[in-house]
């Protein structure tokens, strides 16, 4: 049975077009360890993060944990919680033997670009509430009260694909605090630059 040249050419073009379409709809994420991952519609993440900042002139270390749902490896929606891991010594505090604790929680939205590239950018925005509270070194029951406040913190981070389920991110942001007053401090003393480094685990 003879097959016309036109039929052969048509078959080759259809086959090539089908292969090309499949290649475009299943992009592979480049990773440092060589593991490839197909971009999926919905996934989830869990990201422990260590942060450095300054509160009222005192160097402050924070541990933060955020988790959420990832849509098409671009948009992430979820929640976060962070707390201070060192004793904060406010410069404006005049009473001796006092230190301050910091806590914050809320929601976040994060947008990631070019996630299938080995190195790419991601932009988390945190919105929530925080609390500061003074305490005594000597453990006395002195009532110093606490203060709650609104915060919003935009960030920009560089992110490295270590593995198809693990990413390393490093970046900076700025914590904006709503109107508040506590002892000798106000919102300007709590607002400030934040540096972050963390690991993002998940199915992206």
Foldseek 3Di string as FASTA:
>chain_A
DDDDPVNVVVVVVVVVVVVVVVPVQFFWAQAPVGATDTQDAKKKKKKWKWKWWAFQNWIWIKIKIWMFMAGRNFKTKTKMKMKTPDFTDHPQDDDPQKTKIKIWMDMKMKGWPPRSYQKTKMKIKGWTKMKMDMDGPVRDPDDQDMDMWTKIKIWMWIWGHNHQFKIKIWTKIWIQIDFDDGDPDTRVSGTTMMTMIIMMGMND
